[in-house]
Amino acid sequence: MAISDSFHIYDTTLRDGAQQEGLNLSVHDKLTIARHLDDLGVGFIEGGWPGANPKDTEFFKLAAKELKLKNATFVAFGATRRANSKAADDALLRALAESGAPVVTLVAKSHDRHVELALKTDLEENLAMIKDSIKFLRQGGQRVFLDAEHFFDGYRANPAYALEVVRVAAEAGADVIALCDTNGGMLPDELSDVVSKVISDSSARIGIHCHNDTGCAIANSLAAVAAGASHVQGTLNGYGERTGNADLISIIANLQLKKKQEVLPAGALEEAFRIAHAVAEVTNVSPSA
């Protein structure tokens, strides 16, 4: 039986984890790992970005036919619409809508300078992009999560704008806004303070997505949960670009064994060691333990 929706374990091994140097997953590999993740009992499996590359598009087509998940829900990943365009006219957004995934995670800019330099648009248009994209997908019946990219750096630079991104996304219908430590530069006490402030400022459901550049991804994820986050993103074995993402196995074990917080179906944690090593066999990248 699947775990309650009150707390999310969200795996992004197949998308963010696959960005690790030397890790090249075939469609068959991704299907195999997805089965292992479902056996572990995670709530959500992010499969990739349909429409952005042929491999992920094929994966979603095959997953719809071949995978019968017991615990997990498939998630398609993508971005908000392009600047100064309509959501319905955006080919990548349409691909997300047509992916067959019941949940879509959209990545959006939450750092004001990145809006201006990377998207080359203004701050209000970025908010409109977030709002329009969420509403477009919601109208089609999909559940929407938002990854607020570089949130903590953005909050440090312009807290009012970073909080406005959260507010707009929640009002547009996003079920979860995941705060992303994209550069992996936060420390647990700093991160906890920011998460607490975001939660006190908003009625939105807050999640966390940490990278491990300071070696704090697991500690930061646990600090976010202690501060009130109820959605944790990570990868099996901490796979990911640079120094990796938060290791979900370690996070789950700490939450269940030390915090007595049941985040997996009953008995699933006993399979974690086997599954971590089974996935390492597929990726040919050893787990850390």
C-alpha atoms as a PDB file:
ATOM      1  CA  MET A   1       0.000   0.000   0.000  1.00  0.00           C
ATOM      2  CA  ALA A   2       1.344   3.444  -0.953  1.00  0.00           C
ATOM      3  CA  ILE A   3       2.401   5.920   1.697  1.00  0.00           C
ATOM      4  CA  SER A   4       0.147   8.876   2.550  1.00  0.00           C
ATOM      5  CA  ASP A   5       0.259  12.021   0.421  1.00  0.00           C
ATOM      6  CA  SER A   6       0.981  14.043   3.563  1.00  0.00           C
ATOM      7  CA  PHE A   7       4.741  13.653   3.015  1.00  0.00           C
ATOM      8  CA  HIS A   8       6.480  13.159  -0.327  1.00  0.00           C
ATOM      9  CA  ILE A   9       9.635  11.247  -1.150  1.00  0.00           C
ATOM     10  CA  TYR A  10      10.397  12.385  -4.687  1.00  0.00           C
ATOM     11  CA  ASP A  11      13.118  10.693  -6.718  1.00  0.00           C
ATOM     12  CA  THR A  12      14.927  12.413  -9.580  1.00  0.00           C
ATOM     13  CA  THR A  13      17.578   9.770 -10.326  1.00  0.00           C
ATOM     14  CA  LEU A  14      16.330   9.342 -13.892  1.00  0.00           C
ATOM     15  CA  ARG A  15      16.645  13.046 -14.667  1.00  0.00           C
ATOM     16  CA  ASP A  16      18.917  14.993 -12.313  1.00  0.00           C
ATOM     17  CA  GLY A  17      20.911  11.949 -11.230  1.00  0.00           C
ATOM     18  CA  ALA A  18      21.539  11.034 -14.852  1.00  0.00           C
ATOM     19  CA  GLN A  19      23.532  14.254 -15.241  1.00  0.00           C
ATOM     20  CA  GLN A  20      26.411  12.711 -13.287  1.00  0.00           C
ATOM     21  CA  GLU A  21      29.613  12.510 -15.297  1.00  0.00           C
ATOM     22  CA  GLY A  22      30.068   9.042 -16.761  1.00  0.00           C
ATOM     23  CA  LEU A  23      26.470   7.989 -16.156  1.00  0.00           C
ATOM     24  CA  ASN A  24      24.652   7.249 -19.412  1.00  0.00           C
ATOM     25  CA  LEU A  25      21.271   5.564 -19.041  1.00  0.00           C
ATOM     26  CA  SER A  26      19.496   3.834 -21.899  1.00  0.00           C
ATOM     27  CA  VAL A  27      15.706   3.727 -22.064  1.00  0.00           C
ATOM     28  CA  HIS A  28      15.883   0.119 -20.826  1.00  0.00           C
ATOM     29  CA  ASP A  29      18.104   1.207 -17.914  1.00  0.00           C
ATOM     30  CA  LYS A  30      15.594   3.882 -16.951  1.00  0.00           C
ATOM     31  CA  LEU A  31      12.725   1.403 -16.994  1.00  0.00           C
ATOM     32  CA  THR A  32      14.710  -0.996 -14.791  1.00  0.00           C
ATOM     33  CA  ILE A  33      15.600   1.724 -12.285  1.00  0.00           C
ATOM     34  CA  ALA A  34      11.987   2.912 -12.212  1.00  0.00           C
ATOM     35  CA  ARG A  35      10.889  -0.580 -11.165  1.00  0.00           C
ATOM     36  CA  HIS A  36      13.465  -0.582  -8.355  1.00  0.00           C
ATOM     37  CA  LEU A  37      12.287   2.838  -7.198  1.00  0.00           C
ATOM     38  CA  ASP A  38       8.708   1.640  -7.113  1.00  0.00           C
ATOM     39  CA  ASP A  39       9.794  -1.385  -5.067  1.00  0.00           C
ATOM     40  CA  LEU A  40      11.462   0.998  -2.611  1.00  0.00           C
ATOM     41  CA  GLY A  41       8.132   2.776  -2.226  1.00  0.00           C
ATOM     42  CA  VAL A  42       8.997   6.346  -3.197  1.00  0.00           C
ATOM     43  CA  GLY A  43       5.959   8.496  -3.876  1.00  0.00           C
ATOM     44  CA  PHE A  44       7.128  10.125  -7.095  1.00  0.00           C
ATOM     45  CA  ILE A  45       9.528   9.158  -9.878  1.00  0.00           C
ATOM     46  CA  GLU A  46      10.692  11.970 -12.145  1.00  0.00           C
ATOM     47  CA  GLY A  47      11.214  10.277 -15.492  1.00  0.00           C
ATOM     48  CA  GLY A  48      12.815  13.047 -17.524  1.00  0.00           C
ATOM     49  CA  TRP A  49      11.868  15.790 -19.956  1.00  0.00           C
ATOM     50  CA  PRO A  50       9.504  14.530 -22.685  1.00  0.00           C
ATOM     51  CA  GLY A  51       9.759  16.562 -25.857  1.00  0.00           C
ATOM     52  CA  ALA A  52      13.220  17.884 -25.042  1.00  0.00           C
ATOM     53  CA  ASN A  53      15.117  14.810 -26.256  1.00  0.00           C
ATOM     54  CA  PRO A  54      14.176  11.590 -28.090  1.00  0.00           C
ATOM     55  CA  LYS A  55      15.301   9.275 -25.255  1.00  0.00           C
ATOM     56  CA  ASP A  56      12.980  10.804 -22.680  1.00  0.00           C
ATOM     57  CA  THR A  57      10.105  10.980 -25.152  1.00  0.00           C
ATOM     58  CA  GLU A  58      10.523   7.263 -25.891  1.00  0.00           C
ATOM     59  CA  PHE A  59      10.850   6.472 -22.193  1.00  0.00           C
ATOM     60  CA  PHE A  60       7.488   8.031 -21.360  1.00  0.00           C
ATOM     61  CA  LYS A  61       5.798   6.171 -24.210  1.00  0.00           C
ATOM     62  CA  LEU A  62       7.222   2.830 -23.084  1.00  0.00           C
ATOM     63  CA  ALA A  63       6.603   3.522 -19.407  1.00  0.00           C
ATOM     64  CA  ALA A  64       2.910   4.085 -20.101  1.00  0.00           C
ATOM     65  CA  LYS A  65       2.725   0.654 -21.759  1.00  0.00           C
ATOM     66  CA  GLU A  66       5.127  -1.466 -19.732  1.00  0.00           C
ATOM     67  CA  LEU A  67       5.280  -0.177 -16.165  1.00  0.00           C
ATOM     68  CA  LYS A  68       2.616  -1.094 -13.646  1.00  0.00           C
ATOM     69  CA  LEU A  69       3.570   0.890 -10.562  1.00  0.00           C
ATOM     70  CA  LYS A  70       2.433  -0.212  -7.104  1.00  0.00           C
ATOM     71  CA  ASN A  71       3.546   2.787  -5.075  1.00  0.00           C
ATOM     72  CA  ALA A  72       4.942   5.596  -7.180  1.00  0.00           C
ATOM     73  CA  THR A  73       3.450   8.210  -9.476  1.00  0.00           C
ATOM     74  CA  PHE A  74       5.308   9.176 -12.638  1.00  0.00           C
ATOM     75  CA  VAL A  75       6.360  12.784 -13.083  1.00  0.00           C
ATOM     76  CA  ALA A  76       7.317  14.614 -16.265  1.00  0.00           C
ATOM     77  CA  PHE A  77       9.846  17.432 -15.929  1.00  0.00           C
ATOM     78  CA  GLY A  78       9.930  20.619 -17.972  1.00  0.00           C
ATOM     79  CA  ALA A  79      10.149  24.390 -17.937  1.00  0.00           C
ATOM     80  CA  THR A  80       7.739  27.290 -17.957  1.00  0.00           C
ATOM     81  CA  ARG A  81       6.644  28.775 -21.260  1.00  0.00           C
ATOM     82  CA  ARG A  82       8.963  31.011 -23.221  1.00  0.00           C
ATOM     83  CA  ALA A  83       8.901  34.739 -22.590  1.00  0.00           C
ATOM     84  CA  ASN A  84       6.313  36.783 -24.473  1.00  0.00           C
ATOM     85  CA  SER A  85       4.409  33.787 -25.799  1.00  0.00           C
ATOM     86  CA  LYS A  86       1.268  31.824 -24.990  1.00  0.00           C
ATOM     87  CA  ALA A  87       1.426  28.638 -22.959  1.00  0.00           C
ATOM     88  CA  ALA A  88      -0.791  26.817 -25.453  1.00  0.00           C
ATOM     89  CA  ASP A  89       1.658  27.674 -28.250  1.00  0.00           C
ATOM     90  CA  ASP A  90       4.737  26.350 -26.430  1.00  0.00           C
ATOM     91  CA  ALA A  91       5.752  23.003 -27.964  1.00  0.00           C
ATOM     92  CA  LEU A  92       7.565  21.769 -24.856  1.00  0.00           C
ATOM     93  CA  LEU A  93       4.631  22.588 -22.593  1.00  0.00           C
ATOM     94  CA  ARG A  94       2.313  20.746 -24.968  1.00  0.00           C
ATOM     95  CA  ALA A  95       4.664  17.751 -24.836  1.00  0.00           C
ATOM     96  CA  LEU A  96       4.327  17.752 -21.045  1.00  0.00           C
ATOM     97  CA  ALA A  97       0.552  17.914 -21.331  1.00  0.00           C
ATOM     98  CA  GLU A  98       0.588  15.000 -23.780  1.00  0.00           C
ATOM     99  CA  SER A  99       3.158  12.907 -21.881  1.00  0.00           C
ATOM    100  CA  GLY A 100       0.587  10.838 -20.026  1.00  0.00           C
ATOM    101  CA  ALA A 101       2.236  11.723 -16.710  1.00  0.00           C
ATOM    102  CA  PRO A 102      -0.312  12.630 -14.025  1.00  0.00           C
ATOM    103  CA  VAL A 103       2.180  15.036 -12.433  1.00  0.00           C
ATOM    104  CA  VAL A 104       4.430  17.659 -14.026  1.00  0.00           C
ATOM    105  CA  THR A 105       7.313  19.440 -12.307  1.00  0.00           C
ATOM    106  CA  LEU A 106       8.146  22.796 -13.848  1.00  0.00           C
ATOM    107  CA  VAL A 107      11.471  24.488 -13.223  1.00  0.00           C
ATOM    108  CA  ALA A 108      11.287  28.266 -12.905  1.00  0.00           C
ATOM    109  CA  LYS A 109      13.665  31.090 -12.155  1.00  0.00           C
ATOM    110  CA  SER A 110      13.451  32.567  -8.663  1.00  0.00           C
ATOM    111  CA  HIS A 111      16.669  34.631  -8.735  1.00  0.00           C
ATOM    112  CA  ASP A 112      16.034  38.086 -10.171  1.00  0.00           C
ATOM    113  CA  ARG A 113      19.386  38.309 -11.959  1.00  0.00           C
ATOM    114  CA  HIS A 114      18.877  34.950 -13.644  1.00  0.00           C
ATOM    115  CA  VAL A 115      15.550  36.162 -15.004  1.00  0.00           C
ATOM    116  CA  GLU A 116      17.271  39.120 -16.601  1.00  0.00           C
ATOM    117  CA  LEU A 117      20.476  37.401 -17.748  1.00  0.00           C
ATOM    118  CA  ALA A 118      19.344  33.864 -18.655  1.00  0.00           C
ATOM    119  CA  LEU A 119      15.742  34.399 -19.730  1.00  0.00           C
ATOM    120  CA  LYS A 120      16.436  37.928 -20.975  1.00  0.00           C
ATOM    121  CA  THR A 121      13.082  39.160 -19.784  1.00  0.00           C
ATOM    122  CA  ASP A 122      11.725  41.248 -16.923  1.00  0.00           C
ATOM    123  CA  LEU A 123      10.638  40.118 -13.489  1.00  0.00           C
ATOM    124  CA  GLU A 124       6.912  40.545 -14.102  1.00  0.00           C
ATOM    125  CA  GLU A 125       7.034  38.485 -17.290  1.00  0.00           C
ATOM    126  CA  ASN A 126       8.765  35.673 -15.400  1.00  0.00           C
ATOM    127  CA  LEU A 127       5.905  35.656 -12.894  1.00  0.00           C
ATOM    128  CA  ALA A 128       3.423  35.569 -15.776  1.00  0.00           C
ATOM    129  CA  MET A 129       5.328  32.651 -17.321  1.00  0.00           C
ATOM    130  CA  ILE A 130       5.026  30.725 -14.059  1.00  0.00           C
ATOM    131  CA  LYS A 131       1.334  31.505 -13.638  1.00  0.00           C
ATOM    132  CA  ASP A 132       0.351  30.757 -17.239  1.00  0.00           C
ATOM    133  CA  SER A 133       2.302  27.497 -17.406  1.00  0.00           C
ATOM    134  CA  ILE A 134       0.833  26.111 -14.199  1.00  0.00           C
ATOM    135  CA  LYS A 135      -2.702  27.064 -15.180  1.00  0.00           C
ATOM    136  CA  PHE A 136      -2.287  25.533 -18.653  1.00  0.00           C
ATOM    137  CA  LEU A 137      -1.261  22.160 -17.225  1.00  0.00           C
ATOM    138  CA  ARG A 138      -3.829  22.267 -14.433  1.00  0.00           C
ATOM    139  CA  GLN A 139      -6.597  22.858 -16.959  1.00  0.00           C
ATOM    140  CA  GLY A 140      -5.644  19.559 -18.564  1.00  0.00           C
ATOM    141  CA  GLY A 141      -6.058  17.742 -15.258  1.00  0.00           C
ATOM    142  CA  GLN A 142      -2.401  17.352 -14.309  1.00  0.00           C
ATOM    143  CA  ARG A 143      -1.008  17.966 -10.865  1.00  0.00           C
ATOM    144  CA  VAL A 144       1.817  20.537 -10.925  1.00  0.00           C
ATOM    145  CA  PHE A 145       4.895  20.935  -8.747  1.00  0.00           C
ATOM    146  CA  LEU A 146       7.318  23.854  -9.145  1.00  0.00           C
ATOM    147  CA  ASP A 147      11.097  23.684  -8.720  1.00  0.00           C
ATOM    148  CA  ALA A 148      12.194  27.193  -7.725  1.00  0.00           C
ATOM    149  CA  GLU A 149      15.681  27.149  -9.231  1.00  0.00           C
ATOM    150  CA  HIS A 150      18.519  28.848  -7.311  1.00  0.00           C
ATOM    151  CA  PHE A 151      15.952  29.795  -4.670  1.00  0.00           C
ATOM    152  CA  PHE A 152      18.347  30.313  -1.778  1.00  0.00           C
ATOM    153  CA  ASP A 153      20.767  32.454  -3.780  1.00  0.00           C
ATOM    154  CA  GLY A 154      17.765  34.354  -5.107  1.00  0.00           C
ATOM    155  CA  TYR A 155      16.367  34.838  -1.619  1.00  0.00           C
ATOM    156  CA  ARG A 156      19.686  36.195  -0.431  1.00  0.00           C
ATOM    157  CA  ALA A 157      19.790  38.686  -3.324  1.00  0.00           C
ATOM    158  CA  ASN A 158      16.127  39.728  -3.402  1.00  0.00           C
ATOM    159  CA  PRO A 159      13.934  38.047  -0.785  1.00  0.00           C
ATOM    160  CA  ALA A 160      10.785  39.879  -1.818  1.00  0.00           C
ATOM    161  CA  TYR A 161      11.003  38.583  -5.381  1.00  0.00           C
ATOM    162  CA  ALA A 162      11.856  35.020  -4.378  1.00  0.00           C
ATOM    163  CA  LEU A 163       8.829  34.982  -2.075  1.00  0.00           C
ATOM    164  CA  GLU A 164       6.672  36.422  -4.854  1.00  0.00           C
ATOM    165  CA  VAL A 165       7.622  33.472  -7.063  1.00  0.00           C
ATOM    166  CA  VAL A 166       6.360  31.123  -4.341  1.00  0.00           C
ATOM    167  CA  ARG A 167       3.144  33.115  -3.890  1.00  0.00           C
ATOM    168  CA  VAL A 168       2.351  33.295  -7.609  1.00  0.00           C
ATOM    169  CA  ALA A 169       3.013  29.594  -8.121  1.00  0.00           C
ATOM    170  CA  ALA A 170       0.780  28.621  -5.206  1.00  0.00           C
ATOM    171  CA  GLU A 171      -2.043  30.905  -6.328  1.00  0.00           C
ATOM    172  CA  ALA A 172      -1.826  29.493  -9.857  1.00  0.00           C
ATOM    173  CA  GLY A 173      -2.412  25.998  -8.491  1.00  0.00           C
ATOM    174  CA  ALA A 174       1.004  24.437  -7.866  1.00  0.00           C
ATOM    175  CA  ASP A 175       0.623  21.725  -5.229  1.00  0.00           C
ATOM    176  CA  VAL A 176       4.259  21.931  -4.112  1.00  0.00           C
ATOM    177  CA  ILE A 177       6.956  24.572  -4.452  1.00  0.00           C
ATOM    178  CA  ALA A 178      10.356  22.935  -4.022  1.00  0.00           C
ATOM    179  CA  LEU A 179      13.081  25.341  -2.916  1.00  0.00           C
ATOM    180  CA  CYS A 180      16.252  24.417  -4.784  1.00  0.00           C
ATOM    181  CA  ASP A 181      19.776  24.822  -3.436  1.00  0.00           C
ATOM    182  CA  THR A 182      20.969  24.507  -7.013  1.00  0.00           C
ATOM    183  CA  ASN A 183      24.603  25.408  -6.333  1.00  0.00           C
ATOM    184  CA  GLY A 184      24.713  23.331  -3.149  1.00  0.00           C
ATOM    185  CA  GLY A 185      26.150  26.220  -1.176  1.00  0.00           C
ATOM    186  CA  MET A 186      23.839  26.392   1.831  1.00  0.00           C
ATOM    187  CA  LEU A 187      24.569  25.278   5.392  1.00  0.00           C
ATOM    188  CA  PRO A 188      21.841  23.671   7.520  1.00  0.00           C
ATOM    189  CA  ASP A 189      21.276  26.568   9.925  1.00  0.00           C
ATOM    190  CA  GLU A 190      21.036  29.107   7.095  1.00  0.00           C
ATOM    191  CA  LEU A 191      18.766  26.893   5.044  1.00  0.00           C
ATOM    192  CA  SER A 192      16.498  26.155   7.992  1.00  0.00           C
ATOM    193  CA  ASP A 193      16.022  29.872   8.655  1.00  0.00           C
ATOM    194  CA  VAL A 194      15.003  30.536   5.050  1.00  0.00           C
ATOM    195  CA  VAL A 195      12.616  27.576   4.865  1.00  0.00           C
ATOM    196  CA  SER A 196      10.962  28.706   8.112  1.00  0.00           C
ATOM    197  CA  LYS A 197      10.523  32.222   6.744  1.00  0.00           C
ATOM    198  CA  VAL A 198       9.033  30.951   3.485  1.00  0.00           C
ATOM    199  CA  ILE A 199       6.579  28.706   5.318  1.00  0.00           C
ATOM    200  CA  SER A 200       5.546  31.516   7.668  1.00  0.00           C
ATOM    201  CA  ASP A 201       5.021  33.842   4.691  1.00  0.00           C
ATOM    202  CA  SER A 202       3.012  31.435   2.552  1.00  0.00           C
ATOM    203  CA  SER A 203       0.280  28.825   2.763  1.00  0.00           C
ATOM    204  CA  ALA A 204       2.025  26.898  -0.019  1.00  0.00           C
ATOM    205  CA  ARG A 205       3.268  23.368   0.512  1.00  0.00           C
ATOM    206  CA  ILE A 206       7.059  23.618   0.570  1.00  0.00           C
ATOM    207  CA  GLY A 207       9.590  21.057  -0.622  1.00  0.00           C
ATOM    208  CA  ILE A 208      13.380  20.897  -0.742  1.00  0.00           C
ATOM    209  CA  HIS A 209      15.892  19.983  -3.465  1.00  0.00           C
ATOM    210  CA  CYS A 210      19.549  20.017  -2.405  1.00  0.00           C
ATOM    211  CA  HIS A 211      22.883  19.543  -4.149  1.00  0.00           C
ATOM    212  CA  ASN A 212      25.976  18.409  -2.295  1.00  0.00           C
ATOM    213  CA  ASP A 213      28.707  20.930  -3.163  1.00  0.00           C
ATOM    214  CA  THR A 214      29.344  21.717   0.517  1.00  0.00           C
ATOM    215  CA  GLY A 215      28.784  18.113   1.587  1.00  0.00           C
ATOM    216  CA  CYS A 216      25.569  19.187   3.309  1.00  0.00           C
ATOM    217  CA  ALA A 217      22.825  17.932   0.973  1.00  0.00           C
ATOM    218  CA  ILE A 218      21.541  15.272   3.382  1.00  0.00           C
ATOM    219  CA  ALA A 219      21.838  17.532   6.437  1.00  0.00           C
ATOM    220  CA  ASN A 220      20.190  20.395   4.553  1.00  0.00           C
ATOM    221  CA  SER A 221      17.300  18.186   3.469  1.00  0.00           C
ATOM    222  CA  LEU A 222      16.742  17.014   7.040  1.00  0.00           C
ATOM    223  CA  ALA A 223      16.967  20.603   8.291  1.00  0.00           C
ATOM    224  CA  ALA A 224      14.301  21.631   5.789  1.00  0.00           C
ATOM    225  CA  VAL A 225      11.997  18.857   7.002  1.00  0.00           C
ATOM    226  CA  ALA A 226      12.558  19.933  10.610  1.00  0.00           C
ATOM    227  CA  ALA A 227      11.615  23.471   9.546  1.00  0.00           C
ATOM    228  CA  GLY A 228       8.351  22.266   8.018  1.00  0.00           C
ATOM    229  CA  ALA A 229       9.044  21.057   4.469  1.00  0.00           C
ATOM    230  CA  SER A 230       6.887  18.055   3.550  1.00  0.00           C
ATOM    231  CA  HIS A 231       8.345  17.113   0.158  1.00  0.00           C
ATOM    232  CA  VAL A 232      11.951  15.959  -0.253  1.00  0.00           C
ATOM    233  CA  GLN A 233      13.699  15.497  -3.589  1.00  0.00           C
ATOM    234  CA  GLY A 234      16.875  13.516  -4.124  1.00  0.00           C
ATOM    235  CA  THR A 235      18.495  10.644  -5.979  1.00  0.00           C
ATOM    236  CA  LEU A 236      19.447   7.073  -5.205  1.00  0.00           C
ATOM    237  CA  ASN A 237      23.076   6.837  -4.085  1.00  0.00           C
ATOM    238  CA  GLY A 238      23.371  10.622  -4.331  1.00  0.00           C
ATOM    239  CA  TYR A 239      23.897  10.540  -8.098  1.00  0.00           C
ATOM    240  CA  GLY A 240      24.019  13.927  -9.822  1.00  0.00           C
ATOM    241  CA  GLU A 241      26.217  16.476 -11.516  1.00  0.00           C
ATOM    242  CA  ARG A 242      29.327  17.891  -9.822  1.00  0.00           C
ATOM    243  CA  THR A 243      29.337  16.407  -6.293  1.00  0.00           C
ATOM    244  CA  GLY A 244      25.853  14.943  -6.584  1.00  0.00           C
ATOM    245  CA  ASN A 245      22.366  15.409  -5.197  1.00  0.00           C
ATOM    246  CA  ALA A 246      20.972  14.592  -1.774  1.00  0.00           C
ATOM    247  CA  ASP A 247      21.060  10.820  -1.235  1.00  0.00           C
ATOM    248  CA  LEU A 248      17.469   9.675  -0.749  1.00  0.00           C
ATOM    249  CA  ILE A 249      18.444   6.404   0.907  1.00  0.00           C
ATOM    250  CA  SER A 250      20.255   8.251   3.704  1.00  0.00           C
ATOM    251  CA  ILE A 251      17.452  10.795   4.079  1.00  0.00           C
ATOM    252  CA  ILE A 252      14.796   8.090   4.288  1.00  0.00           C
ATOM    253  CA  ALA A 253      16.781   6.061   6.824  1.00  0.00           C
ATOM    254  CA  ASN A 254      17.363   9.093   9.032  1.00  0.00           C
ATOM    255  CA  LEU A 255      13.718  10.129   8.923  1.00  0.00           C
ATOM    256  CA  GLN A 256      12.376   6.661   9.667  1.00  0.00           C
ATOM    257  CA  LEU A 257      14.956   5.346  12.133  1.00  0.00           C
ATOM    258  CA  LYS A 258      15.971   8.498  13.985  1.00  0.00           C
ATOM    259  CA  LYS A 259      12.949  10.767  13.612  1.00  0.00           C
ATOM    260  CA  LYS A 260      10.380   7.934  13.670  1.00  0.00           C
ATOM    261  CA  GLN A 261       8.666   9.458  10.644  1.00  0.00           C
ATOM    262  CA  GLU A 262       7.208   6.802   8.355  1.00  0.00           C
ATOM    263  CA  VAL A 263       7.860   7.995   4.807  1.00  0.00           C
ATOM    264  CA  LEU A 264       7.832   4.639   2.994  1.00  0.00           C
ATOM    265  CA  PRO A 265       5.272   1.827   2.949  1.00  0.00           C
ATOM    266  CA  ALA A 266       5.628  -0.671   5.793  1.00  0.00           C
ATOM    267  CA  GLY A 267       8.654  -2.930   5.381  1.00  0.00           C
ATOM    268  CA  ALA A 268      10.066  -1.074   2.374  1.00  0.00           C
ATOM    269  CA  LEU A 269      13.108   0.320   4.181  1.00  0.00           C
ATOM    270  CA  GLU A 270      14.415  -3.226   4.601  1.00  0.00           C
ATOM    271  CA  GLU A 271      14.863  -3.334   0.813  1.00  0.00           C
ATOM    272  CA  ALA A 272      16.890  -0.110   0.614  1.00  0.00           C
ATOM    273  CA  PHE A 273      20.355  -1.703   0.706  1.00  0.00           C
ATOM    274  CA  ARG A 274      19.467  -4.255  -1.966  1.00  0.00           C
ATOM    275  CA  ILE A 275      17.864  -1.625  -4.193  1.00  0.00           C
ATOM    276  CA  ALA A 276      20.773   0.822  -3.848  1.00  0.00           C
ATOM    277  CA  HIS A 277      23.182  -1.870  -5.035  1.00  0.00           C
ATOM    278  CA  ALA A 278      20.836  -3.112  -7.759  1.00  0.00           C
ATOM    279  CA  VAL A 279      20.655   0.407  -9.176  1.00  0.00           C
ATOM    280  CA  ALA A 280      24.450   0.702  -8.919  1.00  0.00           C
ATOM    281  CA  GLU A 281      24.688  -2.422 -11.085  1.00  0.00           C
ATOM    282  CA  VAL A 282      22.557  -0.718 -13.731  1.00  0.00           C
ATOM    283  CA  THR A 283      24.445   2.583 -13.635  1.00  0.00           C
ATOM    284  CA  ASN A 284      27.889   1.018 -13.158  1.00  0.00           C
ATOM    285  CA  VAL A 285      28.507   3.696 -10.519  1.00  0.00           C
ATOM    286  CA  SER A 286      29.049   2.396  -6.988  1.00  0.00           C
ATOM    287  CA  PRO A 287      26.903   3.615  -4.093  1.00  0.00           C
ATOM    288  CA  SER A 288      28.721   5.513  -1.368  1.00  0.00           C
ATOM    289  CA  ALA A 289      28.130   2.711   1.147  1.00  0.00           C
END
